[in-house]
N, C-alpha and C. Protein backbone atom coordinates (compact mmCIF):
# COMPACT_ATOMS: atom_id res chain seq x y z
N MET A 1 -13.52 -13.25 14.45
CA MET A 1 -12.43 -13.66 15.38
C MET A 1 -11.25 -14.20 14.47
N VAL A 2 -10.26 -13.33 14.76
CA VAL A 2 -8.92 -13.55 14.01
C VAL A 2 -7.75 -13.76 15.02
N GLY A 3 -7.04 -14.91 14.91
CA GLY A 3 -5.85 -14.96 15.76
C GLY A 3 -6.16 -14.81 17.09
N GLY A 4 -7.43 -15.35 17.74
CA GLY A 4 -7.64 -15.38 19.01
C GLY A 4 -8.27 -14.02 19.48
N HIS A 5 -8.54 -13.01 18.53
CA HIS A 5 -8.98 -11.61 18.92
C HIS A 5 -10.17 -11.32 18.15
N ARG A 6 -11.17 -10.76 18.54
CA ARG A 6 -12.13 -10.08 17.77
C ARG A 6 -11.73 -8.85 17.10
N MET A 7 -11.88 -8.89 15.75
CA MET A 7 -11.18 -7.69 15.10
C MET A 7 -12.37 -6.65 14.97
N SER A 8 -11.89 -5.51 15.66
CA SER A 8 -12.85 -4.42 15.35
C SER A 8 -12.62 -3.47 14.08
N SER A 9 -13.51 -2.47 13.81
CA SER A 9 -13.36 -1.70 12.64
C SER A 9 -11.77 -1.05 12.92
N LEU A 10 -10.97 -0.89 11.89
CA LEU A 10 -9.57 -0.55 11.84
C LEU A 10 -9.46 0.82 11.18
N PRO A 11 -9.37 1.80 12.32
CA PRO A 11 -9.15 3.21 11.70
C PRO A 11 -8.32 3.57 10.88
N ILE A 12 -8.19 4.45 9.78
CA ILE A 12 -7.22 4.80 9.24
C ILE A 12 -6.48 5.98 10.01
N ALA A 13 -4.99 5.65 10.40
CA ALA A 13 -4.23 6.48 11.37
C ALA A 13 -3.12 6.78 10.75
N HIS A 14 -3.04 7.79 9.84
CA HIS A 14 -1.79 8.28 9.11
C HIS A 14 -0.61 8.76 9.99
N ARG A 15 0.56 8.42 9.65
CA ARG A 15 1.58 8.87 10.73
C ARG A 15 1.84 10.42 10.20
N SER A 16 2.12 11.08 11.33
CA SER A 16 2.28 12.54 11.23
C SER A 16 3.64 12.84 10.64
N ALA A 17 3.76 13.89 9.85
CA ALA A 17 5.07 13.98 9.14
C ALA A 17 5.92 14.95 10.22
N LYS A 18 5.32 15.50 10.89
CA LYS A 18 6.08 16.18 12.27
C LYS A 18 6.62 15.45 13.24
N PRO A 19 7.75 15.52 13.79
CA PRO A 19 8.24 14.72 14.85
C PRO A 19 7.60 15.06 15.95
N PRO A 20 7.48 14.33 17.00
CA PRO A 20 6.85 14.37 18.28
C PRO A 20 7.35 15.52 18.97
N ALA A 21 6.67 16.24 19.87
CA ALA A 21 7.20 17.65 20.46
C ALA A 21 7.97 17.51 21.59
N ASN A 22 7.68 16.47 22.32
CA ASN A 22 8.19 16.38 23.63
C ASN A 22 8.72 15.03 23.86
N ARG A 23 9.75 14.79 24.82
CA ARG A 23 10.42 13.41 25.25
C ARG A 23 9.23 12.53 25.37
N ARG A 24 8.15 12.45 26.11
CA ARG A 24 7.07 11.48 26.27
C ARG A 24 6.53 11.07 24.96
N GLU A 25 6.41 11.99 24.01
CA GLU A 25 5.85 11.65 22.71
C GLU A 25 6.66 11.05 21.86
N ARG A 26 8.03 11.42 21.96
CA ARG A 26 9.11 10.66 21.04
C ARG A 26 9.20 9.22 21.66
N HIS A 27 9.11 9.27 22.89
CA HIS A 27 9.32 7.75 23.67
C HIS A 27 8.10 7.02 22.87
N ARG A 28 6.90 7.29 22.89
CA ARG A 28 5.84 6.50 22.56
C ARG A 28 6.02 6.29 21.10
N ALA A 29 6.41 7.28 20.32
CA ALA A 29 6.51 7.05 18.81
C ALA A 29 7.69 5.85 18.67
N GLU A 30 8.65 5.99 19.22
CA GLU A 30 9.85 5.23 19.22
C GLU A 30 9.36 3.62 19.39
N THR A 31 8.52 3.53 20.56
CA THR A 31 8.09 2.23 20.95
C THR A 31 7.22 1.65 19.91
N ARG A 32 6.26 2.63 19.68
CA ARG A 32 5.33 2.00 18.51
C ARG A 32 6.06 1.58 17.15
N GLU A 33 7.13 2.40 16.98
CA GLU A 33 7.79 1.80 15.64
C GLU A 33 8.70 0.61 15.88
N ARG A 34 9.04 0.51 17.07
CA ARG A 34 9.95 -0.94 17.58
C ARG A 34 8.93 -1.95 17.48
N LEU A 35 7.74 -1.73 17.87
CA LEU A 35 6.69 -2.88 17.96
C LEU A 35 6.24 -3.16 16.51
N PHE A 36 5.95 -2.22 15.70
CA PHE A 36 5.50 -2.14 14.35
C PHE A 36 6.48 -2.99 13.28
N HIS A 37 7.86 -2.60 13.55
CA HIS A 37 8.72 -3.29 12.71
C HIS A 37 9.24 -4.60 13.23
N ALA A 38 9.20 -4.89 14.61
CA ALA A 38 9.29 -6.23 14.92
C ALA A 38 8.25 -7.04 14.59
N ALA A 39 7.03 -6.70 14.51
CA ALA A 39 5.84 -7.43 13.99
C ALA A 39 6.06 -7.71 12.68
N LEU A 40 6.42 -6.87 11.68
CA LEU A 40 6.68 -7.10 10.34
C LEU A 40 7.77 -8.20 10.11
N ARG A 41 8.72 -8.15 10.90
CA ARG A 41 9.91 -8.98 10.76
C ARG A 41 9.31 -10.20 11.07
N LEU A 42 8.72 -10.43 12.22
CA LEU A 42 8.25 -11.88 12.60
C LEU A 42 7.29 -12.42 11.64
N PHE A 43 6.34 -11.56 11.10
CA PHE A 43 5.43 -11.96 10.11
C PHE A 43 6.19 -12.71 8.92
N ALA A 44 7.26 -11.92 8.53
CA ALA A 44 8.05 -12.39 7.36
C ALA A 44 8.79 -13.77 7.72
N GLU A 45 9.26 -13.98 8.85
CA GLU A 45 9.89 -15.16 9.38
C GLU A 45 9.02 -16.11 9.57
N ARG A 46 8.00 -16.09 10.35
CA ARG A 46 7.17 -16.90 10.96
C ARG A 46 5.68 -17.37 10.23
N GLY A 47 5.17 -16.24 9.48
CA GLY A 47 3.91 -16.20 9.06
C GLY A 47 3.05 -15.41 10.08
N PHE A 48 2.13 -14.91 9.50
CA PHE A 48 1.27 -13.95 10.49
C PHE A 48 0.53 -14.80 11.34
N GLN A 49 -0.09 -16.00 10.94
CA GLN A 49 -0.88 -16.72 11.87
C GLN A 49 -0.11 -17.18 13.13
N GLU A 50 1.17 -17.73 12.76
CA GLU A 50 1.95 -18.21 13.68
C GLU A 50 2.62 -17.18 14.59
N THR A 51 2.80 -16.02 14.27
CA THR A 51 3.34 -14.95 15.08
C THR A 51 2.44 -14.35 16.25
N THR A 52 2.77 -14.53 17.46
CA THR A 52 1.88 -14.20 18.74
C THR A 52 2.52 -12.85 19.11
N VAL A 53 1.56 -12.22 19.89
CA VAL A 53 1.82 -10.93 20.40
C VAL A 53 2.97 -10.80 21.38
N GLU A 54 3.21 -12.01 22.08
CA GLU A 54 4.14 -12.47 23.21
C GLU A 54 5.55 -12.20 22.33
N ALA A 55 5.59 -12.97 21.17
CA ALA A 55 6.88 -12.92 20.42
C ALA A 55 7.03 -11.51 19.77
N ILE A 56 6.32 -10.48 19.45
CA ILE A 56 6.33 -9.35 19.09
C ILE A 56 6.88 -8.63 20.02
N THR A 57 6.31 -8.67 21.30
CA THR A 57 6.89 -7.82 22.35
C THR A 57 8.27 -8.21 22.81
N GLU A 58 8.58 -9.63 22.54
CA GLU A 58 9.90 -10.00 23.11
C GLU A 58 10.75 -9.45 22.12
N ALA A 59 10.50 -9.44 20.75
CA ALA A 59 11.57 -8.98 19.82
C ALA A 59 11.66 -7.30 19.83
N ALA A 60 10.50 -6.82 20.30
CA ALA A 60 10.63 -5.20 20.46
C ALA A 60 11.32 -5.11 21.94
N ASP A 61 11.61 -5.99 22.68
CA ASP A 61 12.21 -5.78 24.11
C ASP A 61 11.16 -4.85 24.99
N VAL A 62 9.81 -5.08 25.03
CA VAL A 62 8.89 -4.33 25.74
C VAL A 62 8.02 -5.36 26.41
N GLY A 63 7.12 -4.93 27.45
CA GLY A 63 6.39 -5.79 28.20
C GLY A 63 5.05 -6.09 27.36
N LYS A 64 4.63 -7.44 27.48
CA LYS A 64 3.57 -7.93 26.67
C LYS A 64 2.36 -6.88 26.83
N GLY A 65 1.94 -6.29 27.78
CA GLY A 65 0.82 -5.47 27.81
C GLY A 65 1.15 -4.18 27.10
N THR A 66 2.48 -3.73 26.91
CA THR A 66 2.60 -2.74 26.08
C THR A 66 2.38 -2.67 24.78
N PHE A 67 2.06 -3.69 24.18
CA PHE A 67 1.68 -3.88 22.64
C PHE A 67 0.11 -3.41 22.67
N PHE A 68 -0.65 -3.64 23.67
CA PHE A 68 -2.17 -3.10 23.42
C PHE A 68 -2.12 -1.72 23.81
N ASN A 69 -1.29 -1.04 24.02
CA ASN A 69 -1.19 0.44 24.18
C ASN A 69 -1.26 1.05 22.80
N TYR A 70 -0.60 0.25 21.88
CA TYR A 70 -0.53 0.87 20.64
C TYR A 70 -1.38 0.13 19.59
N PHE A 71 -1.68 -1.14 19.43
CA PHE A 71 -2.38 -1.94 18.78
C PHE A 71 -3.23 -2.65 19.28
N PRO A 72 -4.82 -2.50 19.23
CA PRO A 72 -5.66 -3.52 19.79
C PRO A 72 -5.47 -5.03 19.43
N THR A 73 -4.94 -5.48 18.30
CA THR A 73 -4.55 -6.62 17.93
C THR A 73 -3.57 -6.55 16.97
N LYS A 74 -2.83 -7.85 16.89
CA LYS A 74 -1.97 -8.04 15.70
C LYS A 74 -2.49 -7.59 14.31
N GLU A 75 -3.73 -7.91 14.20
CA GLU A 75 -4.50 -7.40 12.93
C GLU A 75 -4.15 -5.95 12.59
N HIS A 76 -4.16 -5.09 13.69
CA HIS A 76 -3.83 -3.80 13.41
C HIS A 76 -2.64 -3.23 12.84
N VAL A 77 -1.47 -4.16 13.03
CA VAL A 77 -0.22 -3.88 12.65
C VAL A 77 -0.43 -4.07 11.09
N LEU A 78 -1.09 -4.76 10.55
CA LEU A 78 -1.15 -4.90 9.07
C LEU A 78 -2.23 -3.73 8.64
N ALA A 79 -3.06 -3.18 9.44
CA ALA A 79 -3.91 -2.17 9.18
C ALA A 79 -3.07 -0.96 8.98
N SER A 80 -1.97 -0.85 9.90
CA SER A 80 -1.19 0.31 9.82
C SER A 80 -0.03 0.21 8.67
N PHE A 81 0.18 -0.99 8.10
CA PHE A 81 0.91 -1.21 7.16
C PHE A 81 0.23 -0.84 5.88
N GLY A 82 -0.89 -1.12 5.87
CA GLY A 82 -1.96 -0.45 4.68
C GLY A 82 -2.10 0.86 4.68
N ASP A 83 -2.23 1.54 5.94
CA ASP A 83 -2.60 2.84 6.22
C ASP A 83 -1.38 3.72 5.56
N GLU A 84 -0.06 3.15 5.87
CA GLU A 84 1.02 4.01 5.35
C GLU A 84 0.94 4.10 3.73
N ARG A 85 0.58 2.92 3.09
CA ARG A 85 0.51 3.00 1.74
C ARG A 85 -0.63 4.10 1.11
N ILE A 86 -1.70 4.06 1.98
CA ILE A 86 -2.80 5.05 1.59
C ILE A 86 -2.29 6.59 1.83
N ALA A 87 -1.40 6.81 2.73
CA ALA A 87 -1.02 8.03 3.22
C ALA A 87 0.15 8.30 2.01
N MET A 88 0.76 7.52 1.48
CA MET A 88 1.83 7.73 0.32
C MET A 88 0.90 8.19 -0.82
N ILE A 89 -0.26 7.47 -1.06
CA ILE A 89 -1.02 7.76 -2.40
C ILE A 89 -1.62 9.16 -2.16
N ALA A 90 -2.07 9.44 -1.08
CA ALA A 90 -2.65 10.69 -0.60
C ALA A 90 -1.72 11.86 -0.93
N ARG A 91 -0.37 11.71 -0.23
CA ARG A 91 0.59 12.74 -0.42
C ARG A 91 1.03 12.86 -2.02
N ALA A 92 0.74 11.74 -2.94
CA ALA A 92 0.93 11.78 -4.22
C ALA A 92 -0.03 12.77 -4.93
N VAL A 93 -1.29 12.58 -4.59
CA VAL A 93 -2.43 13.25 -5.22
C VAL A 93 -2.28 14.83 -4.89
N GLU A 94 -1.88 15.18 -3.66
CA GLU A 94 -1.60 16.63 -3.48
C GLU A 94 -0.46 16.95 -4.12
N ASP A 95 0.45 16.34 -4.32
CA ASP A 95 1.72 16.71 -5.23
C ASP A 95 1.16 16.98 -6.73
N ALA A 96 0.39 16.08 -7.06
CA ALA A 96 -0.31 16.09 -8.49
C ALA A 96 -1.00 17.41 -8.67
N ARG A 97 -1.83 17.67 -7.65
CA ARG A 97 -2.61 18.91 -7.56
C ARG A 97 -2.03 20.19 -7.66
N LYS A 98 -0.73 20.15 -7.22
CA LYS A 98 -0.01 21.33 -7.01
C LYS A 98 0.98 21.54 -8.15
N ARG A 99 1.35 20.54 -8.89
CA ARG A 99 2.21 20.66 -9.93
C ARG A 99 1.48 21.36 -11.12
N ARG A 100 2.43 22.32 -11.73
CA ARG A 100 2.09 22.76 -12.91
C ARG A 100 2.40 21.95 -14.02
N GLY A 101 3.40 21.17 -13.90
CA GLY A 101 3.84 20.30 -15.14
C GLY A 101 3.00 19.07 -15.10
N PRO A 102 3.63 17.85 -15.84
CA PRO A 102 2.92 16.74 -16.11
C PRO A 102 2.64 15.87 -14.78
N VAL A 103 1.70 15.38 -14.70
CA VAL A 103 1.21 14.58 -13.62
C VAL A 103 1.58 13.10 -13.66
N LEU A 104 1.72 12.45 -15.08
CA LEU A 104 2.10 11.00 -15.06
C LEU A 104 3.52 10.77 -14.62
N PRO A 105 4.41 11.48 -14.33
CA PRO A 105 5.76 11.09 -13.56
C PRO A 105 5.42 10.87 -12.20
N VAL A 106 4.33 11.52 -11.71
CA VAL A 106 3.94 11.24 -10.32
C VAL A 106 3.45 10.05 -9.93
N ILE A 107 2.40 9.72 -11.15
CA ILE A 107 1.69 8.52 -10.97
C ILE A 107 2.91 7.23 -11.24
N LYS A 108 3.69 7.43 -12.13
CA LYS A 108 4.66 6.32 -12.24
C LYS A 108 5.48 6.12 -11.02
N HIS A 109 5.98 7.15 -10.63
CA HIS A 109 6.96 6.80 -9.31
C HIS A 109 6.16 6.47 -8.13
N LEU A 110 4.79 6.66 -7.97
CA LEU A 110 4.03 6.21 -6.84
C LEU A 110 3.74 4.50 -7.19
N THR A 111 3.40 4.22 -8.18
CA THR A 111 3.15 3.01 -8.79
C THR A 111 4.14 2.00 -8.78
N THR A 112 5.41 2.43 -9.07
CA THR A 112 6.64 1.56 -9.07
C THR A 112 7.17 1.62 -7.71
N ASN A 113 6.83 2.32 -6.71
CA ASN A 113 7.70 2.27 -5.63
C ASN A 113 6.69 2.30 -4.36
N LEU A 114 5.30 2.01 -4.58
CA LEU A 114 4.23 1.90 -3.43
C LEU A 114 4.63 0.86 -2.53
N VAL A 115 5.18 -0.37 -2.86
CA VAL A 115 5.24 -1.43 -1.92
C VAL A 115 6.93 -1.22 -1.40
N GLY A 116 7.58 -0.51 -2.09
CA GLY A 116 8.90 -0.07 -1.25
C GLY A 116 9.89 -1.26 -1.42
N GLN A 117 10.69 -1.45 -0.38
CA GLN A 117 11.79 -2.50 -0.40
C GLN A 117 11.25 -3.68 0.42
N GLU A 118 9.97 -3.89 0.86
CA GLU A 118 9.73 -5.03 1.54
C GLU A 118 10.27 -6.32 0.93
N SER A 119 10.44 -7.34 1.95
CA SER A 119 10.86 -8.50 1.36
C SER A 119 9.68 -9.49 0.79
N ALA A 120 10.22 -10.37 0.00
CA ALA A 120 9.30 -11.29 -0.63
C ALA A 120 8.54 -12.00 0.63
N ALA A 121 9.25 -12.33 1.48
CA ALA A 121 8.73 -13.12 2.64
C ALA A 121 7.58 -12.38 3.35
N LEU A 122 7.81 -11.04 3.43
CA LEU A 122 6.65 -10.35 4.10
C LEU A 122 5.55 -10.06 3.37
N LEU A 123 5.88 -9.80 2.17
CA LEU A 123 4.60 -9.74 1.18
C LEU A 123 3.81 -11.12 1.23
N ARG A 124 4.43 -12.36 1.11
CA ARG A 124 3.92 -13.48 1.14
C ARG A 124 2.86 -13.66 2.30
N SER A 125 3.58 -13.23 3.46
CA SER A 125 2.77 -13.39 4.82
C SER A 125 1.50 -12.35 4.79
N ILE A 126 1.64 -11.21 4.26
CA ILE A 126 0.62 -10.31 4.18
C ILE A 126 -0.51 -10.92 3.29
N TYR A 127 -0.14 -11.43 2.09
CA TYR A 127 -1.15 -11.88 1.13
C TYR A 127 -1.78 -13.02 2.05
N ALA A 128 -1.04 -14.02 2.42
CA ALA A 128 -1.75 -15.10 3.10
C ALA A 128 -2.61 -14.74 4.23
N ALA A 129 -2.37 -13.58 4.83
CA ALA A 129 -3.39 -13.16 5.93
C ALA A 129 -4.56 -12.74 5.45
N HIS A 130 -4.50 -12.00 4.42
CA HIS A 130 -5.57 -11.35 3.55
C HIS A 130 -6.44 -12.63 2.99
N ALA A 131 -5.62 -13.55 2.41
CA ALA A 131 -6.36 -14.66 1.91
C ALA A 131 -7.23 -15.56 2.92
N SER A 132 -6.52 -15.67 4.13
CA SER A 132 -7.27 -16.53 5.27
C SER A 132 -8.07 -16.07 6.09
N CYS A 133 -7.84 -14.66 6.25
CA CYS A 133 -8.83 -14.28 7.34
C CYS A 133 -9.82 -13.27 6.97
N THR A 134 -11.01 -13.52 6.63
CA THR A 134 -12.24 -12.61 6.44
C THR A 134 -12.03 -11.19 6.89
N PRO A 135 -12.05 -11.07 8.24
CA PRO A 135 -11.91 -9.63 8.74
C PRO A 135 -10.90 -8.83 8.02
N VAL A 136 -9.68 -9.49 7.94
CA VAL A 136 -8.44 -8.67 7.54
C VAL A 136 -8.72 -8.56 6.06
N ARG A 137 -9.38 -9.52 5.35
CA ARG A 137 -9.80 -9.27 3.83
C ARG A 137 -10.68 -8.01 3.62
N ALA A 138 -11.49 -7.86 4.55
CA ALA A 138 -12.53 -6.90 4.62
C ALA A 138 -11.85 -5.52 4.68
N GLU A 139 -11.04 -5.61 5.62
CA GLU A 139 -10.19 -4.21 5.85
C GLU A 139 -9.41 -3.89 4.48
N LEU A 140 -8.80 -4.88 3.95
CA LEU A 140 -7.95 -4.66 2.77
C LEU A 140 -8.89 -4.10 1.74
N GLN A 141 -10.14 -4.68 1.56
CA GLN A 141 -10.99 -4.13 0.38
C GLN A 141 -11.34 -2.64 0.51
N LYS A 142 -11.32 -2.39 1.85
CA LYS A 142 -11.55 -0.83 2.21
C LYS A 142 -10.72 -0.07 1.76
N ARG A 143 -9.38 -0.51 1.92
CA ARG A 143 -8.14 0.41 1.83
C ARG A 143 -7.99 0.42 -0.05
N LEU A 144 -8.37 -0.67 -0.50
CA LEU A 144 -8.22 -0.84 -2.17
C LEU A 144 -9.27 0.21 -2.70
N ARG A 145 -10.27 0.26 -2.06
CA ARG A 145 -11.30 1.17 -2.69
C ARG A 145 -10.79 2.66 -2.58
N ARG A 146 -10.35 2.91 -1.29
CA ARG A 146 -9.74 4.31 -0.91
C ARG A 146 -8.72 4.75 -1.99
N ALA A 147 -7.84 3.45 -2.17
CA ALA A 147 -6.64 3.87 -2.96
C ALA A 147 -7.14 4.03 -4.39
N ARG A 148 -8.19 3.29 -4.90
CA ARG A 148 -8.49 3.41 -6.30
C ARG A 148 -9.17 4.94 -6.35
N ARG A 149 -9.84 5.25 -5.49
CA ARG A 149 -10.42 6.82 -5.54
C ARG A 149 -9.36 7.68 -5.66
N LEU A 150 -8.11 7.58 -4.92
CA LEU A 150 -7.33 8.51 -5.14
C LEU A 150 -6.38 8.44 -6.47
N PHE A 151 -6.17 7.18 -6.86
CA PHE A 151 -5.80 7.01 -8.13
C PHE A 151 -6.47 7.44 -9.28
N THR A 152 -7.91 7.54 -9.07
CA THR A 152 -8.77 8.14 -10.23
C THR A 152 -8.56 9.51 -10.10
N GLU A 153 -8.40 10.16 -9.06
CA GLU A 153 -8.12 11.65 -9.09
C GLU A 153 -6.95 12.18 -9.92
N MET A 154 -5.91 11.32 -9.48
CA MET A 154 -4.61 11.56 -10.50
C MET A 154 -4.78 11.29 -11.88
N LEU A 155 -5.38 10.29 -12.18
CA LEU A 155 -5.71 9.93 -13.74
C LEU A 155 -6.54 10.93 -14.34
N LEU A 156 -7.63 11.48 -13.59
CA LEU A 156 -8.41 12.54 -14.08
C LEU A 156 -7.55 13.66 -14.30
N LEU A 157 -6.67 14.09 -13.54
CA LEU A 157 -5.79 15.33 -13.63
C LEU A 157 -5.20 15.03 -14.98
N ALA A 158 -4.43 13.86 -15.08
CA ALA A 158 -3.67 13.52 -16.30
C ALA A 158 -4.49 13.59 -17.43
N GLN A 159 -5.82 13.17 -17.52
CA GLN A 159 -6.55 13.31 -18.81
C GLN A 159 -7.04 14.62 -18.98
N GLN A 160 -7.15 15.51 -17.92
CA GLN A 160 -7.67 16.91 -18.05
C GLN A 160 -6.21 17.63 -18.68
N ARG A 161 -5.16 17.30 -18.39
CA ARG A 161 -4.10 17.89 -18.94
C ARG A 161 -3.49 17.15 -20.48
N GLY A 162 -4.15 16.22 -20.93
CA GLY A 162 -3.87 15.87 -22.26
C GLY A 162 -2.83 14.67 -22.25
N GLU A 163 -2.40 14.18 -20.91
CA GLU A 163 -1.28 13.29 -20.84
C GLU A 163 -1.72 11.86 -21.27
N ILE A 164 -2.81 11.46 -20.93
CA ILE A 164 -3.29 10.05 -21.16
C ILE A 164 -4.58 10.03 -21.72
N ARG A 165 -4.96 8.88 -22.40
CA ARG A 165 -6.04 8.62 -23.17
C ARG A 165 -7.25 9.01 -22.32
N GLN A 166 -8.57 9.50 -23.17
CA GLN A 166 -9.58 9.81 -22.52
C GLN A 166 -10.85 8.99 -22.89
N ASP A 167 -10.59 7.82 -23.62
CA ASP A 167 -11.79 7.03 -24.12
C ASP A 167 -11.82 6.18 -23.02
N LEU A 168 -11.22 5.89 -22.14
CA LEU A 168 -11.53 5.09 -20.82
C LEU A 168 -11.81 5.98 -19.65
N ALA A 169 -12.68 5.80 -18.85
CA ALA A 169 -13.02 6.65 -17.76
C ALA A 169 -11.68 6.60 -16.67
N ALA A 170 -11.40 7.49 -15.94
CA ALA A 170 -10.26 7.61 -15.13
C ALA A 170 -10.60 6.51 -14.16
N ALA A 171 -11.65 6.43 -13.71
CA ALA A 171 -11.97 5.13 -12.64
C ALA A 171 -11.67 3.86 -13.25
N GLU A 172 -11.94 3.60 -14.42
CA GLU A 172 -11.61 2.24 -15.07
C GLU A 172 -10.11 2.11 -15.39
N LEU A 173 -9.65 3.13 -15.54
CA LEU A 173 -8.02 3.21 -15.84
C LEU A 173 -7.39 2.83 -14.33
N ALA A 174 -7.86 3.33 -13.26
CA ALA A 174 -7.42 3.10 -12.10
C ALA A 174 -7.62 1.70 -11.68
N ARG A 175 -8.81 1.24 -11.83
CA ARG A 175 -9.03 -0.17 -11.48
C ARG A 175 -8.09 -1.08 -12.34
N LEU A 176 -7.95 -0.96 -13.39
CA LEU A 176 -7.07 -1.91 -14.20
C LEU A 176 -5.52 -1.81 -13.81
N ILE A 177 -4.98 -0.50 -13.41
CA ILE A 177 -3.80 -0.37 -12.97
C ILE A 177 -3.58 -0.95 -11.70
N GLN A 178 -4.66 -0.71 -10.70
CA GLN A 178 -4.48 -1.41 -9.48
C GLN A 178 -4.54 -2.96 -9.55
N ILE A 179 -5.18 -3.56 -10.39
CA ILE A 179 -5.20 -4.98 -10.73
C ILE A 179 -3.85 -5.47 -11.16
N VAL A 180 -3.29 -4.83 -11.94
CA VAL A 180 -1.95 -5.12 -12.60
C VAL A 180 -0.87 -5.05 -11.59
N PHE A 181 -0.82 -3.94 -10.96
CA PHE A 181 0.24 -3.91 -9.84
C PHE A 181 0.18 -4.62 -8.63
N HIS A 182 -1.10 -4.84 -8.10
CA HIS A 182 -1.22 -6.02 -7.14
C HIS A 182 -0.91 -7.44 -7.57
N GLY A 183 -1.10 -7.77 -8.96
CA GLY A 183 -0.84 -8.97 -9.34
C GLY A 183 0.84 -9.10 -9.47
N VAL A 184 1.31 -8.01 -9.86
CA VAL A 184 3.01 -7.95 -9.96
C VAL A 184 3.44 -8.20 -8.68
N ALA A 185 2.98 -7.38 -7.56
CA ALA A 185 3.54 -7.70 -6.31
C ALA A 185 3.28 -9.01 -5.83
N LEU A 186 2.15 -9.62 -6.10
CA LEU A 186 2.00 -11.15 -5.58
C LEU A 186 2.90 -11.95 -6.36
N SER A 187 2.96 -11.84 -7.68
CA SER A 187 3.68 -12.65 -8.46
C SER A 187 5.34 -12.72 -8.11
N TRP A 188 5.79 -11.22 -7.74
CA TRP A 188 7.24 -11.11 -7.46
C TRP A 188 7.43 -11.89 -5.97
N ALA A 189 6.39 -11.77 -5.04
CA ALA A 189 6.49 -12.24 -3.76
C ALA A 189 6.74 -13.80 -3.89
N LEU A 190 5.96 -14.38 -5.01
CA LEU A 190 6.21 -15.78 -5.03
C LEU A 190 7.42 -16.34 -5.78
N ASN A 191 7.90 -15.40 -6.55
CA ASN A 191 9.21 -15.69 -7.45
C ASN A 191 10.03 -14.64 -7.55
N ALA A 192 10.68 -13.95 -6.76
CA ALA A 192 11.46 -12.91 -6.71
C ALA A 192 12.98 -13.19 -7.53
N GLU A 193 12.52 -12.86 -8.86
CA GLU A 193 13.98 -13.18 -9.76
C GLU A 193 14.63 -11.91 -9.96
N SER A 194 14.15 -10.84 -9.69
CA SER A 194 14.81 -9.62 -9.61
C SER A 194 14.24 -8.63 -8.63
N GLY A 195 14.69 -7.44 -8.59
CA GLY A 195 14.22 -6.59 -7.44
C GLY A 195 12.75 -6.07 -7.84
N LEU A 196 11.86 -5.74 -6.65
CA LEU A 196 10.56 -5.36 -6.82
C LEU A 196 10.43 -4.05 -7.76
N CYS A 197 11.17 -3.09 -7.19
CA CYS A 197 11.22 -1.82 -7.71
C CYS A 197 11.51 -2.01 -9.20
N GLU A 198 12.64 -2.69 -9.52
CA GLU A 198 12.94 -3.11 -10.97
C GLU A 198 11.89 -3.53 -11.74
N THR A 199 11.20 -4.60 -11.15
CA THR A 199 10.07 -5.26 -11.70
C THR A 199 8.88 -4.49 -12.16
N THR A 200 8.49 -3.55 -11.12
CA THR A 200 7.25 -2.73 -11.37
C THR A 200 7.85 -1.55 -12.36
N ALA A 201 8.90 -1.27 -12.32
CA ALA A 201 9.27 -0.10 -13.43
C ALA A 201 9.29 -0.75 -14.68
N ALA A 202 9.67 -2.11 -14.76
CA ALA A 202 9.72 -2.61 -16.18
C ALA A 202 8.17 -3.02 -16.59
N VAL A 203 7.47 -3.08 -15.82
CA VAL A 203 5.92 -3.38 -15.99
C VAL A 203 5.41 -2.08 -16.45
N TRP A 204 5.59 -1.03 -15.82
CA TRP A 204 5.15 0.38 -15.98
C TRP A 204 5.36 0.70 -17.65
N ASN A 205 6.84 0.45 -17.97
CA ASN A 205 7.31 0.95 -19.18
C ASN A 205 6.61 0.14 -20.22
N PHE A 206 6.41 -1.23 -19.82
CA PHE A 206 5.73 -1.82 -20.80
C PHE A 206 4.15 -1.53 -20.93
N LEU A 207 3.50 -0.94 -20.01
CA LEU A 207 2.18 -0.61 -20.12
C LEU A 207 1.91 1.02 -20.39
N ALA A 208 3.01 1.70 -20.24
CA ALA A 208 2.79 3.07 -20.43
C ALA A 208 2.24 3.63 -21.83
N PRO A 209 2.88 2.93 -22.89
CA PRO A 209 2.26 3.23 -24.24
C PRO A 209 0.67 3.04 -24.39
N ALA A 210 0.13 2.16 -23.71
CA ALA A 210 -1.41 1.95 -23.67
C ALA A 210 -2.02 3.26 -23.11
N LEU A 211 -1.30 3.96 -22.32
CA LEU A 211 -2.05 4.96 -21.60
C LEU A 211 -1.83 6.27 -22.47
N SER A 212 -1.13 6.17 -23.34
CA SER A 212 -1.03 7.56 -24.15
C SER A 212 -2.27 7.97 -24.86
N PRO A 213 -2.31 9.35 -25.22
CA PRO A 213 -3.61 9.80 -25.90
C PRO A 213 -3.80 9.20 -27.10
N ARG A 214 -4.93 8.92 -27.52
CA ARG A 214 -5.30 8.09 -28.40
C ARG A 214 -5.80 9.03 -29.63
N SER A 215 -5.20 8.97 -31.00
CA SER A 215 -5.90 9.87 -32.02
C SER A 215 -7.09 9.65 -32.60
N LYS A 216 -7.96 10.47 -33.14
CA LYS A 216 -9.24 10.01 -33.70
C LYS A 216 -9.11 8.95 -34.76
N GLN A 217 -8.10 8.88 -35.53
CA GLN A 217 -7.62 7.94 -36.56
C GLN A 217 -7.72 6.57 -35.89
N GLU A 218 -6.99 6.54 -34.88
CA GLU A 218 -6.83 5.17 -34.03
C GLU A 218 -8.18 4.68 -33.62
N SER A 219 -9.01 5.66 -32.87
CA SER A 219 -10.22 5.29 -32.55
C SER A 219 -10.99 4.88 -33.54
N ARG A 220 -11.09 5.37 -34.75
CA ARG A 220 -12.01 4.83 -35.77
C ARG A 220 -11.50 3.57 -36.23
N ARG A 221 -10.32 3.12 -36.31
CA ARG A 221 -9.62 1.93 -36.88
C ARG A 221 -10.20 0.75 -35.88
N GLU A 222 -10.38 0.96 -34.65
CA GLU A 222 -10.71 0.08 -33.71
C GLU A 222 -12.10 -0.27 -33.56
N ARG A 223 -13.01 0.65 -34.22
CA ARG A 223 -14.31 0.45 -34.06
C ARG A 223 -14.48 -0.56 -35.52
């Protein structure tokens, strides 16, 4: 039970890239967007636990019951936020597969822009919700595993094309990169001294040499 509601399994519901076909569908999509962004804004201002469904519908200027036509609980708003990130990673994987050129620029762009322009306050609220709510944390862990598998696919492609080191498994590299950049996002949310994209880009540039292919001579020296 979280925030007064029992949390069911949260399905991954990627947004369609195609615009809704008719007026009714467009209206539904617009209403969902208003609710989604109103909820995120209030999570940032008040915190996740303190934000009520009624406050969300008020901010979105819709009836309270309308919320439940789009989100079973407010926890599902966080799930949708996470699903958008998974969808971004999935699109990057498709891009990497289709590219004839290097894959590493795709990975760099994704890693340094995945969180986007979200405010520090919103990220703090999201991390607090994951830390304090066991069901929310369980759903985060599912998405982390899915994201890691997708990153592994891209890193494996980069290894096959000779762009990055092969002495570590792609899955292990994906795990380490995920840990680093989640840590960067949390650290930035707690102390936003510069822009998030600027910070993640600086961290990537710092780490990139460690991903470079390693010569046999370097490998022998380390042994």
